[in-house]
Protein backbone atom coordinates (compact mmCIF):
# COMPACT_ATOMS: atom_id res chain seq x y z
CA UNK A 1 0.00 0.00 0.00
CA UNK A 2 1.23 3.51 -0.76
CA UNK A 3 0.59 6.56 1.39
CA UNK A 4 1.01 10.11 0.16
CA UNK A 5 1.33 12.79 2.82
CA UNK A 6 0.97 16.43 1.82
CA UNK A 7 2.27 18.91 4.40
CA UNK A 8 1.47 22.62 4.13
CA UNK A 9 1.91 25.63 6.38
CA UNK A 10 -1.31 26.55 8.15
CA UNK A 11 -3.21 29.64 7.03
CA UNK A 12 -1.78 32.73 8.67
CA UNK A 13 1.76 31.32 8.96
CA UNK A 14 4.30 33.36 7.00
CA UNK A 15 5.65 31.41 4.00
CA UNK A 16 8.95 33.03 2.91
CA UNK A 17 9.67 30.30 0.34
CA UNK A 18 6.24 30.74 -1.20
CA UNK A 19 6.77 34.51 -1.34
CA UNK A 20 10.15 34.01 -3.02
CA UNK A 21 8.51 31.78 -5.66
CA UNK A 22 5.71 34.32 -6.21
CA UNK A 23 8.28 37.09 -6.67
CA UNK A 24 10.38 35.00 -9.07
CA UNK A 25 7.30 34.16 -11.13
CA UNK A 26 6.51 37.86 -11.38
CA UNK A 27 10.07 38.53 -12.54
CA UNK A 28 9.60 35.90 -15.25
CA UNK A 29 6.48 37.66 -16.51
CA UNK A 30 3.78 35.66 -14.72
CA UNK A 31 2.06 38.73 -13.32
CA UNK A 32 -1.24 37.09 -12.43
CA UNK A 33 0.06 35.07 -9.48
CA UNK A 34 -1.19 36.73 -6.31
CA UNK A 35 0.01 34.18 -3.77
CA UNK A 36 2.04 30.99 -3.44
CA UNK A 37 2.13 28.50 -0.58
CA UNK A 38 4.92 25.96 -0.71
CA UNK A 39 4.76 22.59 1.03
CA UNK A 40 6.15 19.10 0.79
CA UNK A 41 4.92 15.73 -0.40
CA UNK A 42 6.12 12.52 1.24
CA UNK A 43 5.44 9.12 -0.34
CA UNK A 44 5.57 6.04 1.86
CA UNK A 45 5.48 2.41 0.71
CA UNK A 46 3.77 0.47 3.47
CA UNK A 47 3.68 -3.27 4.15
CA UNK A 48 0.28 -2.88 5.84
CA UNK A 49 -2.76 -4.46 4.20
CA UNK A 50 -5.42 -3.08 6.54
CA UNK A 51 -6.41 0.36 5.25
CA UNK A 52 -7.67 1.76 8.57
CA UNK A 53 -4.59 0.57 10.47
CA UNK A 54 -2.29 1.97 7.78
CA UNK A 55 -3.98 5.37 7.88
CA UNK A 56 -3.77 5.48 11.68
CA UNK A 57 -0.08 4.58 11.55
CA UNK A 58 0.70 7.25 8.93
CA UNK A 59 -1.22 9.87 10.94
CA UNK A 60 0.89 8.94 13.97
CA UNK A 61 4.03 9.35 11.83
CA UNK A 62 2.82 12.81 10.84
CA UNK A 63 2.08 13.82 14.43
CA UNK A 64 5.45 12.56 15.69
CA UNK A 65 7.85 13.40 12.84
CA UNK A 66 6.64 14.32 9.38
CA UNK A 67 4.75 17.53 10.21
CA UNK A 68 5.23 20.28 12.75
CA UNK A 69 1.58 20.40 13.75
CA UNK A 70 1.99 23.75 15.50
CA UNK A 71 2.48 25.51 12.15
CA UNK A 72 1.71 22.83 9.54
CA UNK A 73 -1.32 20.83 8.50
CA UNK A 74 -1.19 17.53 6.66
CA UNK A 75 -3.35 15.37 4.43
CA UNK A 76 -3.01 11.58 4.08
CA UNK A 77 -4.04 9.70 0.94
CA UNK A 78 -3.80 5.93 0.64
CA UNK A 79 -3.68 3.96 -2.61
C-alpha atoms as a PDB file:
ATOM      1  CA  UNK A   1       0.000   0.000   0.000  1.00  0.00           C
ATOM      2  CA  UNK A   2       1.231   3.505  -0.761  1.00  0.00           C
ATOM      3  CA  UNK A   3       0.589   6.560   1.385  1.00  0.00           C
ATOM      4  CA  UNK A   4       1.009  10.108   0.156  1.00  0.00           C
ATOM      5  CA  UNK A   5       1.326  12.795   2.819  1.00  0.00           C
ATOM      6  CA  UNK A   6       0.971  16.434   1.818  1.00  0.00           C
ATOM      7  CA  UNK A   7       2.268  18.905   4.401  1.00  0.00           C
ATOM      8  CA  UNK A   8       1.473  22.620   4.129  1.00  0.00           C
ATOM      9  CA  UNK A   9       1.912  25.627   6.379  1.00  0.00           C
ATOM     10  CA  UNK A  10      -1.310  26.550   8.147  1.00  0.00           C
ATOM     11  CA  UNK A  11      -3.206  29.639   7.027  1.00  0.00           C
ATOM     12  CA  UNK A  12      -1.777  32.734   8.672  1.00  0.00           C
ATOM     13  CA  UNK A  13       1.758  31.318   8.957  1.00  0.00           C
ATOM     14  CA  UNK A  14       4.303  33.357   7.002  1.00  0.00           C
ATOM     15  CA  UNK A  15       5.653  31.414   4.000  1.00  0.00           C
ATOM     16  CA  UNK A  16       8.952  33.032   2.906  1.00  0.00           C
ATOM     17  CA  UNK A  17       9.671  30.304   0.339  1.00  0.00           C
ATOM     18  CA  UNK A  18       6.237  30.740  -1.195  1.00  0.00           C
ATOM     19  CA  UNK A  19       6.766  34.506  -1.337  1.00  0.00           C
ATOM     20  CA  UNK A  20      10.154  34.007  -3.023  1.00  0.00           C
ATOM     21  CA  UNK A  21       8.514  31.776  -5.662  1.00  0.00           C
ATOM     22  CA  UNK A  22       5.712  34.317  -6.205  1.00  0.00           C
ATOM     23  CA  UNK A  23       8.279  37.087  -6.667  1.00  0.00           C
ATOM     24  CA  UNK A  24      10.379  35.005  -9.068  1.00  0.00           C
ATOM     25  CA  UNK A  25       7.297  34.155 -11.131  1.00  0.00           C
ATOM     26  CA  UNK A  26       6.514  37.864 -11.379  1.00  0.00           C
ATOM     27  CA  UNK A  27      10.070  38.526 -12.539  1.00  0.00           C
ATOM     28  CA  UNK A  28       9.603  35.896 -15.254  1.00  0.00           C
ATOM     29  CA  UNK A  29       6.483  37.663 -16.509  1.00  0.00           C
ATOM     30  CA  UNK A  30       3.784  35.656 -14.720  1.00  0.00           C
ATOM     31  CA  UNK A  31       2.065  38.728 -13.322  1.00  0.00           C
ATOM     32  CA  UNK A  32      -1.243  37.085 -12.425  1.00  0.00           C
ATOM     33  CA  UNK A  33       0.065  35.070  -9.478  1.00  0.00           C
ATOM     34  CA  UNK A  34      -1.189  36.733  -6.306  1.00  0.00           C
ATOM     35  CA  UNK A  35       0.015  34.176  -3.774  1.00  0.00           C
ATOM     36  CA  UNK A  36       2.042  30.986  -3.440  1.00  0.00           C
ATOM     37  CA  UNK A  37       2.130  28.504  -0.576  1.00  0.00           C
ATOM     38  CA  UNK A  38       4.925  25.960  -0.712  1.00  0.00           C
ATOM     39  CA  UNK A  39       4.764  22.594   1.029  1.00  0.00           C
ATOM     40  CA  UNK A  40       6.145  19.103   0.789  1.00  0.00           C
ATOM     41  CA  UNK A  41       4.920  15.731  -0.400  1.00  0.00           C
ATOM     42  CA  UNK A  42       6.122  12.524   1.245  1.00  0.00           C
ATOM     43  CA  UNK A  43       5.445   9.123  -0.340  1.00  0.00           C
ATOM     44  CA  UNK A  44       5.569   6.045   1.862  1.00  0.00           C
ATOM     45  CA  UNK A  45       5.481   2.410   0.708  1.00  0.00           C
ATOM     46  CA  UNK A  46       3.771   0.470   3.470  1.00  0.00           C
ATOM     47  CA  UNK A  47       3.681  -3.267   4.146  1.00  0.00           C
ATOM     48  CA  UNK A  48       0.282  -2.881   5.840  1.00  0.00           C
ATOM     49  CA  UNK A  49      -2.755  -4.460   4.205  1.00  0.00           C
ATOM     50  CA  UNK A  50      -5.424  -3.079   6.544  1.00  0.00           C
ATOM     51  CA  UNK A  51      -6.409   0.363   5.252  1.00  0.00           C
ATOM     52  CA  UNK A  52      -7.668   1.758   8.574  1.00  0.00           C
ATOM     53  CA  UNK A  53      -4.586   0.573  10.466  1.00  0.00           C
ATOM     54  CA  UNK A  54      -2.286   1.970   7.775  1.00  0.00           C
ATOM     55  CA  UNK A  55      -3.982   5.374   7.882  1.00  0.00           C
ATOM     56  CA  UNK A  56      -3.773   5.477  11.679  1.00  0.00           C
ATOM     57  CA  UNK A  57      -0.080   4.584  11.549  1.00  0.00           C
ATOM     58  CA  UNK A  58       0.700   7.248   8.935  1.00  0.00           C
ATOM     59  CA  UNK A  59      -1.219   9.874  10.940  1.00  0.00           C
ATOM     60  CA  UNK A  60       0.893   8.938  13.966  1.00  0.00           C
ATOM     61  CA  UNK A  61       4.032   9.353  11.828  1.00  0.00           C
ATOM     62  CA  UNK A  62       2.824  12.815  10.843  1.00  0.00           C
ATOM     63  CA  UNK A  63       2.085  13.816  14.425  1.00  0.00           C
ATOM     64  CA  UNK A  64       5.455  12.559  15.694  1.00  0.00           C
ATOM     65  CA  UNK A  65       7.851  13.396  12.840  1.00  0.00           C
ATOM     66  CA  UNK A  66       6.644  14.322   9.379  1.00  0.00           C
ATOM     67  CA  UNK A  67       4.754  17.529  10.206  1.00  0.00           C
ATOM     68  CA  UNK A  68       5.232  20.283  12.747  1.00  0.00           C
ATOM     69  CA  UNK A  69       1.584  20.397  13.746  1.00  0.00           C
ATOM     70  CA  UNK A  70       1.995  23.745  15.505  1.00  0.00           C
ATOM     71  CA  UNK A  71       2.477  25.510  12.153  1.00  0.00           C
ATOM     72  CA  UNK A  72       1.711  22.830   9.542  1.00  0.00           C
ATOM     73  CA  UNK A  73      -1.319  20.827   8.504  1.00  0.00           C
ATOM     74  CA  UNK A  74      -1.185  17.530   6.662  1.00  0.00           C
ATOM     75  CA  UNK A  75      -3.353  15.366   4.430  1.00  0.00           C
ATOM     76  CA  UNK A  76      -3.005  11.576   4.081  1.00  0.00           C
ATOM     77  CA  UNK A  77      -4.044   9.698   0.936  1.00  0.00           C
ATOM     78  CA  UNK A  78      -3.802   5.928   0.637  1.00  0.00           C
ATOM     79  CA  UNK A  79      -3.677   3.962  -2.609  1.00  0.00           C
END
